[in-house]
Every structure is written in structure tokens, then in C-alpha cells.
């Protein structure tokens, strides 16, 4: 091969390498920035053991007093007679403690809910980026993949956006759907991000973000189960889905 041709190919290979590496090289720094904004979402009941019952992941946005998560993470009802309330668990430096929250906005059609912290100091807020993600784009998400089994320590997974695929969010029990609801479900599809990344049920509500900037581009909301829910820990599918963050931004801006 002529020297000039070999040199051009070498320079091209180096250019591709330099272009591809930054997202991975910057990920440790990005994770360090992301983790203080990640919270465990659940319910708190003082007479229960444990008092905090984990249900999913959330993250701080906006003023730092606002928490984003999935609508399906939150219970339909609370046991008010036993003083059950919505709560998050956050790292206060010397341990994880529960803080009360209330739901202030809800979009079940896109599986998004917004909570408001009730007093206390704000959390570091993550920046939202509503640009459309591209197929093949590197992404990461941080949350609590198996709840408090591993302790409330945020865990990060990474992968790529493998497809942009239509989806719809069913309401209630699928077995209770009638013909009219099925037709509405078919007409209410929207595009979500299919990910080549392993996630678990506790990851619901985790922020999906750019590994280089930490800007949130989606909210993780489901994982493909190949067999049964009982086997998902031992045999994960490595196919997950996330709601584009534009639906969260729309909900935050709604009145």
C-alpha cells in the first residue's frame, strides 16, 4: 500500500477513535455529578418494618425540590389510617433518610409523575435536554436496580439507543380492558427509546442521560421480560425502554 494511502487510513482510524472515546472517558466524572440527584421513591409508614417501602427510582429536576419518576412507581392509594405517605430516601451524608413528598403532576399516558419535596434543603437538579436521541447513541442511566437489596447506593448501567419504537401505556389491569379502551390504546401510541442495556424493575424512574454531559434525555420505564418476573434477576433480557424527556418537560410546564 502506498505510504500516503496508509497514512490517510491511519489518520481516519485515529479520528474515529478520538470521536468515540470521550463519552466513555467522561462517564466516571458524569456519574459523580449525577448520583447526588438520584433518590429512592416509595412510601413511608412509621409503624411498619421497615418503615420505608421501596417502589422505584426518581431524580431531582428544576428547583431541586421537584422529583421526577414514573407514574407506575407510585401506589394508587395510601393507607391513611396508618399514616402512610409518599416519601423519597436521600443521602444526607451520614446515611440515607426518608423525606416526605407529595404528587403534584401526573401523566399516566406517558408514565410520568412529578413529586414535590415538603421542606428541607433542595437537591442538586439534573438538566433536561429534549433533543431527540439518535439510534446508536451512547447512553447511561443511574438508579436502584434491585431496590434496597443492594442497599440504597445508586448503580449505573450503560448501553446504546438501539431503536426508536412506538409504544403505548395501558392503564389499570390489562384483563379489565374493554373494546373501547383497546381502540383508544391502539390510537395513543408514541415513540420511546428502546435500549440495548440491562435494567431491572427497581430502575423504573431512573434518568437516561448523555454519558458525556449528564443531560437527561429520557426516563427509564420498563424492561422486556423474556420468561417470568421471578426469573428476571437471573436471566435479564438486556432490552429496556425509556420515555423521551420532552414529555417530562411538558408536564413540568403544565398548569
C-alpha atoms as a PDB file:
ATOM      1  CA  UNK A   1       0.000   0.000   0.000  1.00  0.00           C
ATOM      2  CA  UNK A   2       1.388   3.444  -0.878  1.00  0.00           C
ATOM      3  CA  UNK A   3       2.575   5.374   2.159  1.00  0.00           C
ATOM      4  CA  UNK A   4       0.103   8.240   1.615  1.00  0.00           C
ATOM      5  CA  UNK A   5      -2.842   5.828   1.436  1.00  0.00           C
ATOM      6  CA  UNK A   6      -1.723   4.031   4.593  1.00  0.00           C
ATOM      7  CA  UNK A   7      -1.281   7.349   6.381  1.00  0.00           C
ATOM      8  CA  UNK A   8      -4.778   8.523   5.410  1.00  0.00           C
ATOM      9  CA  UNK A   9      -6.300   5.316   6.728  1.00  0.00           C
ATOM     10  CA  UNK A  10      -4.379   5.621   9.981  1.00  0.00           C
ATOM     11  CA  UNK A  11      -5.478   9.228  10.465  1.00  0.00           C
ATOM     12  CA  UNK A  12      -9.099   8.266   9.766  1.00  0.00           C
ATOM     13  CA  UNK A  13      -8.937   5.419  12.306  1.00  0.00           C
ATOM     14  CA  UNK A  14      -7.479   7.748  14.936  1.00  0.00           C
ATOM     15  CA  UNK A  15     -10.159  10.335  14.229  1.00  0.00           C
ATOM     16  CA  UNK A  16     -12.904   7.733  14.734  1.00  0.00           C
ATOM     17  CA  UNK A  17     -11.251   6.568  17.963  1.00  0.00           C
ATOM     18  CA  UNK A  18     -10.947  10.090  19.333  1.00  0.00           C
ATOM     19  CA  UNK A  19     -14.588  10.754  18.419  1.00  0.00           C
ATOM     20  CA  UNK A  20     -15.858   7.587  20.102  1.00  0.00           C
ATOM     21  CA  UNK A  21     -13.809   7.637  23.324  1.00  0.00           C
ATOM     22  CA  UNK A  22     -14.905  10.898  25.074  1.00  0.00           C
ATOM     23  CA  UNK A  23     -18.329   9.619  26.175  1.00  0.00           C
ATOM     24  CA  UNK A  24     -16.753   6.630  27.932  1.00  0.00           C
ATOM     25  CA  UNK A  25     -13.808   8.615  29.273  1.00  0.00           C
ATOM     26  CA  UNK A  26     -16.131  11.240  30.764  1.00  0.00           C
ATOM     27  CA  UNK A  27     -18.574   8.741  32.300  1.00  0.00           C
ATOM     28  CA  UNK A  28     -16.868   8.451  35.741  1.00  0.00           C
ATOM     29  CA  UNK A  29     -16.983  12.232  36.172  1.00  0.00           C
ATOM     30  CA  UNK A  30     -20.583  12.310  34.952  1.00  0.00           C
ATOM     31  CA  UNK A  31     -21.651   9.590  37.394  1.00  0.00           C
ATOM     32  CA  UNK A  32     -20.115  11.543  40.265  1.00  0.00           C
ATOM     33  CA  UNK A  33     -22.203  14.538  39.215  1.00  0.00           C
ATOM     34  CA  UNK A  34     -25.398  12.524  38.694  1.00  0.00           C
ATOM     35  CA  UNK A  35     -25.502  10.459  41.911  1.00  0.00           C
ATOM     36  CA  UNK A  36     -26.431  13.227  44.411  1.00  0.00           C
ATOM     37  CA  UNK A  37     -29.609  13.838  42.383  1.00  0.00           C
ATOM     38  CA  UNK A  38     -30.810  10.206  42.454  1.00  0.00           C
ATOM     39  CA  UNK A  39     -33.440   9.216  45.031  1.00  0.00           C
ATOM     40  CA  UNK A  40     -35.314   6.080  46.006  1.00  0.00           C
ATOM     41  CA  UNK A  41     -39.087   6.533  45.738  1.00  0.00           C
ATOM     42  CA  UNK A  42     -41.616   4.710  47.871  1.00  0.00           C
ATOM     43  CA  UNK A  43     -43.941   5.030  50.829  1.00  0.00           C
ATOM     44  CA  UNK A  44     -43.270   5.641  54.498  1.00  0.00           C
ATOM     45  CA  UNK A  45     -45.305   4.223  57.370  1.00  0.00           C
ATOM     46  CA  UNK A  46     -43.891   4.775  60.879  1.00  0.00           C
ATOM     47  CA  UNK A  47     -45.388   1.587  62.360  1.00  0.00           C
ATOM     48  CA  UNK A  48     -44.142  -0.659  59.542  1.00  0.00           C
ATOM     49  CA  UNK A  49     -40.877  -2.578  59.497  1.00  0.00           C
ATOM     50  CA  UNK A  50     -39.081  -1.413  57.521  1.00  0.00           C
ATOM     51  CA  UNK A  51     -40.850   1.913  57.643  1.00  0.00           C
ATOM     52  CA  UNK A  52     -39.806   2.821  54.085  1.00  0.00           C
ATOM     53  CA  UNK A  53     -41.109   0.586  51.288  1.00  0.00           C
ATOM     54  CA  UNK A  54     -39.139   0.980  48.065  1.00  0.00           C
ATOM     55  CA  UNK A  55     -41.066   1.243  44.771  1.00  0.00           C
ATOM     56  CA  UNK A  56     -38.680   2.763  42.211  1.00  0.00           C
ATOM     57  CA  UNK A  57     -36.154   5.454  41.323  1.00  0.00           C
ATOM     58  CA  UNK A  58     -36.521   9.204  40.908  1.00  0.00           C
ATOM     59  CA  UNK A  59     -34.302  12.206  40.267  1.00  0.00           C
ATOM     60  CA  UNK A  60     -34.257  15.894  41.148  1.00  0.00           C
ATOM     61  CA  UNK A  61     -35.060  18.493  38.491  1.00  0.00           C
ATOM     62  CA  UNK A  62     -35.903  22.191  38.269  1.00  0.00           C
ATOM     63  CA  UNK A  63     -35.531  23.914  41.635  1.00  0.00           C
ATOM     64  CA  UNK A  64     -34.154  20.803  43.347  1.00  0.00           C
ATOM     65  CA  UNK A  65     -37.374  20.405  45.319  1.00  0.00           C
ATOM     66  CA  UNK A  66     -39.024  18.655  42.378  1.00  0.00           C
ATOM     67  CA  UNK A  67     -38.646  14.904  41.791  1.00  0.00           C
ATOM     68  CA  UNK A  68     -39.399  13.110  38.521  1.00  0.00           C
ATOM     69  CA  UNK A  69     -40.349   9.433  38.380  1.00  0.00           C
ATOM     70  CA  UNK A  70     -42.695   7.028  36.584  1.00  0.00           C
ATOM     71  CA  UNK A  71     -46.415   7.167  37.209  1.00  0.00           C
ATOM     72  CA  UNK A  72     -46.488   3.400  37.676  1.00  0.00           C
ATOM     73  CA  UNK A  73     -43.944   3.647  40.523  1.00  0.00           C
ATOM     74  CA  UNK A  74     -46.471   5.405  42.765  1.00  0.00           C
ATOM     75  CA  UNK A  75     -49.240   3.488  44.579  1.00  0.00           C
ATOM     76  CA  UNK A  76     -52.838   4.093  43.560  1.00  0.00           C
ATOM     77  CA  UNK A  77     -53.856   4.535  47.191  1.00  0.00           C
ATOM     78  CA  UNK A  78     -52.212   5.134  50.571  1.00  0.00           C
ATOM     79  CA  UNK A  79     -53.184   3.653  53.928  1.00  0.00           C
ATOM     80  CA  UNK A  80     -54.021   6.962  55.548  1.00  0.00           C
ATOM     81  CA  UNK A  81     -55.399   5.282  58.679  1.00  0.00           C
ATOM     82  CA  UNK A  82     -51.870   4.015  59.352  1.00  0.00           C
ATOM     83  CA  UNK A  83     -50.269   7.339  58.362  1.00  0.00           C
ATOM     84  CA  UNK A  84     -48.734   6.013  55.151  1.00  0.00           C
ATOM     85  CA  UNK A  85     -47.282   8.791  52.991  1.00  0.00           C
ATOM     86  CA  UNK A  86     -45.273   9.149  49.805  1.00  0.00           C
ATOM     87  CA  UNK A  87     -41.572   9.540  50.525  1.00  0.00           C
ATOM     88  CA  UNK A  88     -38.136   9.515  48.982  1.00  0.00           C
ATOM     89  CA  UNK A  89     -34.873   8.360  50.518  1.00  0.00           C
ATOM     90  CA  UNK A  90     -31.828  10.579  50.016  1.00  0.00           C
ATOM     91  CA  UNK A  91     -28.203  10.540  51.086  1.00  0.00           C
ATOM     92  CA  UNK A  92     -27.754  13.117  53.849  1.00  0.00           C
ATOM     93  CA  UNK A  93     -24.001  12.489  54.092  1.00  0.00           C
ATOM     94  CA  UNK A  94     -24.100  10.360  57.234  1.00  0.00           C
ATOM     95  CA  UNK A  95     -26.764   7.959  55.982  1.00  0.00           C
ATOM     96  CA  UNK A  96     -29.928   7.657  53.950  1.00  0.00           C
ATOM     97  CA  UNK A  97     -33.044   9.192  55.478  1.00  0.00           C
ATOM     98  CA  UNK A  98     -36.654   9.453  54.243  1.00  0.00           C
ATOM     99  CA  UNK A  99     -38.134  12.802  53.234  1.00  0.00           C
ATOM    100  CA  UNK A 100     -41.865  13.371  52.627  1.00  0.00           C
ATOM    101  CA  UNK A 101     -43.121  14.247  49.149  1.00  0.00           C
ATOM    102  CA  UNK A 102     -46.499  14.829  47.515  1.00  0.00           C
ATOM    103  CA  UNK A 103     -47.519  14.169  43.939  1.00  0.00           C
ATOM    104  CA  UNK A 104     -48.214  17.453  42.157  1.00  0.00           C
ATOM    105  CA  UNK A 105     -48.467  16.413  38.494  1.00  0.00           C
ATOM    106  CA  UNK A 106     -49.289  13.161  36.760  1.00  0.00           C
ATOM    107  CA  UNK A 107     -49.273  11.966  33.137  1.00  0.00           C
ATOM    108  CA  UNK A 108     -50.260   8.284  33.093  1.00  0.00           C
ATOM    109  CA  UNK A 109     -50.469   8.280  29.275  1.00  0.00           C
ATOM    110  CA  UNK A 110     -46.678   8.770  29.172  1.00  0.00           C
ATOM    111  CA  UNK A 111     -45.955   7.111  32.545  1.00  0.00           C
ATOM    112  CA  UNK A 112     -44.546  10.278  34.130  1.00  0.00           C
ATOM    113  CA  UNK A 113     -45.216  11.791  37.572  1.00  0.00           C
ATOM    114  CA  UNK A 114     -43.785  14.786  39.376  1.00  0.00           C
ATOM    115  CA  UNK A 115     -43.359  14.966  43.161  1.00  0.00           C
ATOM    116  CA  UNK A 116     -42.652  17.928  45.428  1.00  0.00           C
ATOM    117  CA  UNK A 117     -40.394  17.755  48.471  1.00  0.00           C
ATOM    118  CA  UNK A 118     -42.046  19.002  51.651  1.00  0.00           C
ATOM    119  CA  UNK A 119     -39.419  21.208  53.235  1.00  0.00           C
ATOM    120  CA  UNK A 120     -35.727  20.707  53.784  1.00  0.00           C
ATOM    121  CA  UNK A 121     -32.819  21.590  51.523  1.00  0.00           C
ATOM    122  CA  UNK A 122     -33.089  21.254  47.741  1.00  0.00           C
ATOM    123  CA  UNK A 123     -31.199  18.521  45.936  1.00  0.00           C
ATOM    124  CA  UNK A 124     -28.805  19.095  43.020  1.00  0.00           C
ATOM    125  CA  UNK A 125     -31.049  19.229  39.955  1.00  0.00           C
ATOM    126  CA  UNK A 126     -30.268  17.470  36.686  1.00  0.00           C
ATOM    127  CA  UNK A 127     -30.509  19.348  33.407  1.00  0.00           C
ATOM    128  CA  UNK A 128     -33.087  18.183  30.876  1.00  0.00           C
ATOM    129  CA  UNK A 129     -32.308  18.020  27.166  1.00  0.00           C
ATOM    130  CA  UNK A 130     -35.373  17.402  24.986  1.00  0.00           C
ATOM    131  CA  UNK A 131     -33.461  16.866  21.750  1.00  0.00           C
ATOM    132  CA  UNK A 132     -34.413  13.605  20.001  1.00  0.00           C
ATOM    133  CA  UNK A 133     -31.971  10.784  20.722  1.00  0.00           C
ATOM    134  CA  UNK A 134     -30.403   9.022  17.747  1.00  0.00           C
ATOM    135  CA  UNK A 135     -30.144   5.306  17.073  1.00  0.00           C
ATOM    136  CA  UNK A 136     -26.709   4.081  18.094  1.00  0.00           C
ATOM    137  CA  UNK A 137     -26.201   6.915  20.587  1.00  0.00           C
ATOM    138  CA  UNK A 138     -24.374   6.005  23.803  1.00  0.00           C
ATOM    139  CA  UNK A 139     -26.463   6.436  26.958  1.00  0.00           C
ATOM    140  CA  UNK A 140     -26.296   5.676  30.666  1.00  0.00           C
ATOM    141  CA  UNK A 141     -28.799   5.506  33.499  1.00  0.00           C
ATOM    142  CA  UNK A 142     -28.417   5.521  37.259  1.00  0.00           C
ATOM    143  CA  UNK A 143     -30.870   4.133  39.775  1.00  0.00           C
ATOM    144  CA  UNK A 144     -31.677   1.304  42.168  1.00  0.00           C
ATOM    145  CA  UNK A 145     -31.932  -1.864  40.031  1.00  0.00           C
ATOM    146  CA  UNK A 146     -32.972  -4.242  42.803  1.00  0.00           C
ATOM    147  CA  UNK A 147     -34.273  -1.767  45.351  1.00  0.00           C
ATOM    148  CA  UNK A 148     -32.768  -1.927  48.806  1.00  0.00           C
ATOM    149  CA  UNK A 149     -31.434  -5.469  48.307  1.00  0.00           C
ATOM    150  CA  UNK A 150     -28.078  -3.921  47.397  1.00  0.00           C
ATOM    151  CA  UNK A 151     -28.547  -1.038  49.829  1.00  0.00           C
ATOM    152  CA  UNK A 152     -29.601   2.409  48.697  1.00  0.00           C
ATOM    153  CA  UNK A 153     -26.487   3.020  46.637  1.00  0.00           C
ATOM    154  CA  UNK A 154     -27.122   4.286  43.098  1.00  0.00           C
ATOM    155  CA  UNK A 155     -25.978   1.875  40.390  1.00  0.00           C
ATOM    156  CA  UNK A 156     -25.091   2.907  36.825  1.00  0.00           C
ATOM    157  CA  UNK A 157     -25.631   0.944  33.618  1.00  0.00           C
ATOM    158  CA  UNK A 158     -24.716   2.000  30.105  1.00  0.00           C
ATOM    159  CA  UNK A 159     -25.705   0.974  26.577  1.00  0.00           C
ATOM    160  CA  UNK A 160     -26.985   2.466  23.354  1.00  0.00           C
ATOM    161  CA  UNK A 161     -30.278   3.597  21.889  1.00  0.00           C
ATOM    162  CA  UNK A 162     -30.950   0.571  19.699  1.00  0.00           C
ATOM    163  CA  UNK A 163     -34.247   1.739  18.177  1.00  0.00           C
ATOM    164  CA  UNK A 164     -36.962   4.367  18.236  1.00  0.00           C
ATOM    165  CA  UNK A 165     -40.126   2.342  18.615  1.00  0.00           C
ATOM    166  CA  UNK A 166     -43.850   3.059  19.065  1.00  0.00           C
ATOM    167  CA  UNK A 167     -45.363   2.248  22.433  1.00  0.00           C
ATOM    168  CA  UNK A 168     -48.480   2.858  24.474  1.00  0.00           C
ATOM    169  CA  UNK A 169     -49.042   2.830  28.218  1.00  0.00           C
ATOM    170  CA  UNK A 170     -52.002   0.713  29.396  1.00  0.00           C
ATOM    171  CA  UNK A 171     -53.991   1.965  32.359  1.00  0.00           C
ATOM    172  CA  UNK A 172     -55.156  -0.330  35.112  1.00  0.00           C
ATOM    173  CA  UNK A 173     -55.277  -4.090  34.840  1.00  0.00           C
ATOM    174  CA  UNK A 174     -54.896  -5.383  31.279  1.00  0.00           C
ATOM    175  CA  UNK A 175     -57.523  -8.038  31.992  1.00  0.00           C
ATOM    176  CA  UNK A 176     -60.054  -5.258  32.621  1.00  0.00           C
ATOM    177  CA  UNK A 177     -59.650  -3.578  29.223  1.00  0.00           C
ATOM    178  CA  UNK A 178     -62.849  -3.286  27.218  1.00  0.00           C
ATOM    179  CA  UNK A 179     -63.191  -2.848  23.436  1.00  0.00           C
ATOM    180  CA  UNK A 180     -63.303   0.958  23.636  1.00  0.00           C
ATOM    181  CA  UNK A 181     -60.186   1.102  25.816  1.00  0.00           C
ATOM    182  CA  UNK A 182     -58.324  -1.239  23.448  1.00  0.00           C
ATOM    183  CA  UNK A 183     -59.157   1.014  20.475  1.00  0.00           C
ATOM    184  CA  UNK A 184     -58.006   4.086  22.419  1.00  0.00           C
ATOM    185  CA  UNK A 185     -54.786   2.310  23.379  1.00  0.00           C
ATOM    186  CA  UNK A 186     -54.053   1.489  19.742  1.00  0.00           C
ATOM    187  CA  UNK A 187     -54.575   5.133  18.754  1.00  0.00           C
ATOM    188  CA  UNK A 188     -52.484   6.526  21.603  1.00  0.00           C
ATOM    189  CA  UNK A 189     -49.028   5.275  20.670  1.00  0.00           C
ATOM    190  CA  UNK A 190     -45.948   7.453  20.928  1.00  0.00           C
ATOM    191  CA  UNK A 191     -42.266   6.928  20.230  1.00  0.00           C
ATOM    192  CA  UNK A 192     -39.988   5.662  23.004  1.00  0.00           C
ATOM    193  CA  UNK A 193     -36.318   4.723  23.161  1.00  0.00           C
ATOM    194  CA  UNK A 194     -35.506   1.030  23.011  1.00  0.00           C
ATOM    195  CA  UNK A 195     -32.181   0.437  24.733  1.00  0.00           C
ATOM    196  CA  UNK A 196     -29.533  -2.232  24.431  1.00  0.00           C
ATOM    197  CA  UNK A 197     -28.897  -2.148  28.183  1.00  0.00           C
ATOM    198  CA  UNK A 198     -29.723  -4.358  31.150  1.00  0.00           C
ATOM    199  CA  UNK A 199     -32.186  -2.883  33.630  1.00  0.00           C
ATOM    200  CA  UNK A 200     -34.361  -4.269  36.414  1.00  0.00           C
ATOM    201  CA  UNK A 201     -37.760  -3.295  37.872  1.00  0.00           C
ATOM    202  CA  UNK A 202     -36.214  -1.007  40.520  1.00  0.00           C
ATOM    203  CA  UNK A 203     -34.705   1.078  37.719  1.00  0.00           C
ATOM    204  CA  UNK A 204     -38.137   2.456  36.819  1.00  0.00           C
ATOM    205  CA  UNK A 205     -37.878   6.246  37.030  1.00  0.00           C
ATOM    206  CA  UNK A 206     -34.106   6.348  36.501  1.00  0.00           C
ATOM    207  CA  UNK A 207     -32.763   9.225  34.395  1.00  0.00           C
ATOM    208  CA  UNK A 208     -31.422   8.243  30.976  1.00  0.00           C
ATOM    209  CA  UNK A 209     -28.592  10.637  30.182  1.00  0.00           C
ATOM    210  CA  UNK A 210     -25.751  11.555  27.875  1.00  0.00           C
ATOM    211  CA  UNK A 211     -22.590   9.963  29.365  1.00  0.00           C
ATOM    212  CA  UNK A 212     -20.509  12.980  28.378  1.00  0.00           C
ATOM    213  CA  UNK A 213     -22.701  15.858  29.609  1.00  0.00           C
ATOM    214  CA  UNK A 214     -25.044  14.230  32.131  1.00  0.00           C
ATOM    215  CA  UNK A 215     -28.025  15.909  30.467  1.00  0.00           C
ATOM    216  CA  UNK A 216     -31.174  13.828  30.859  1.00  0.00           C
ATOM    217  CA  UNK A 217     -32.757  12.702  27.584  1.00  0.00           C
ATOM    218  CA  UNK A 218     -35.277  10.186  28.910  1.00  0.00           C
ATOM    219  CA  UNK A 219     -36.873   8.404  31.869  1.00  0.00           C
ATOM    220  CA  UNK A 220     -36.437   4.626  32.114  1.00  0.00           C
ATOM    221  CA  UNK A 221     -39.834   2.990  32.471  1.00  0.00           C
ATOM    222  CA  UNK A 222     -39.809  -0.695  31.505  1.00  0.00           C
ATOM    223  CA  UNK A 223     -37.751  -3.765  30.755  1.00  0.00           C
ATOM    224  CA  UNK A 224     -38.571  -6.663  28.455  1.00  0.00           C
ATOM    225  CA  UNK A 225     -39.184  -9.831  30.461  1.00  0.00           C
ATOM    226  CA  UNK A 226     -38.269 -12.972  28.490  1.00  0.00           C
ATOM    227  CA  UNK A 227     -39.789 -15.533  30.813  1.00  0.00           C
ATOM    228  CA  UNK A 228     -41.345 -14.670  34.169  1.00  0.00           C
ATOM    229  CA  UNK A 229     -40.886 -11.763  36.545  1.00  0.00           C
ATOM    230  CA  UNK A 230     -39.390 -14.206  39.039  1.00  0.00           C
ATOM    231  CA  UNK A 231     -36.564 -15.042  36.607  1.00  0.00           C
ATOM    232  CA  UNK A 232     -35.697 -11.511  35.551  1.00  0.00           C
ATOM    233  CA  UNK A 233     -32.788 -11.245  38.004  1.00  0.00           C
ATOM    234  CA  UNK A 234     -31.108 -14.441  36.851  1.00  0.00           C
ATOM    235  CA  UNK A 235     -31.987 -14.127  33.159  1.00  0.00           C
ATOM    236  CA  UNK A 236     -32.330 -10.457  32.151  1.00  0.00           C
ATOM    237  CA  UNK A 237     -33.243  -9.618  28.571  1.00  0.00           C
ATOM    238  CA  UNK A 238     -30.902  -6.608  28.119  1.00  0.00           C
ATOM    239  CA  UNK A 239     -33.770  -4.822  26.347  1.00  0.00           C
ATOM    240  CA  UNK A 240     -35.145  -1.786  28.149  1.00  0.00           C
ATOM    241  CA  UNK A 241     -37.297   1.213  27.283  1.00  0.00           C
ATOM    242  CA  UNK A 242     -37.271   4.903  28.208  1.00  0.00           C
ATOM    243  CA  UNK A 243     -39.771   7.735  27.784  1.00  0.00           C
ATOM    244  CA  UNK A 244     -38.306  10.749  25.906  1.00  0.00           C
ATOM    245  CA  UNK A 245     -37.727  13.615  28.315  1.00  0.00           C
ATOM    246  CA  UNK A 246     -39.860  16.021  26.277  1.00  0.00           C
ATOM    247  CA  UNK A 247     -42.926  14.512  27.961  1.00  0.00           C
ATOM    248  CA  UNK A 248     -41.463  15.278  31.375  1.00  0.00           C
ATOM    249  CA  UNK A 249     -40.697  18.855  30.317  1.00  0.00           C
ATOM    250  CA  UNK A 250     -44.256  19.276  29.071  1.00  0.00           C
ATOM    251  CA  UNK A 251     -45.624  18.015  32.379  1.00  0.00           C
ATOM    252  CA  UNK A 252     -43.346  20.336  34.381  1.00  0.00           C
ATOM    253  CA  UNK A 253     -44.515  23.302  32.316  1.00  0.00           C
ATOM    254  CA  UNK A 254     -48.228  22.406  32.548  1.00  0.00           C
ATOM    255  CA  UNK A 255     -50.582  24.278  34.850  1.00  0.00           C
END
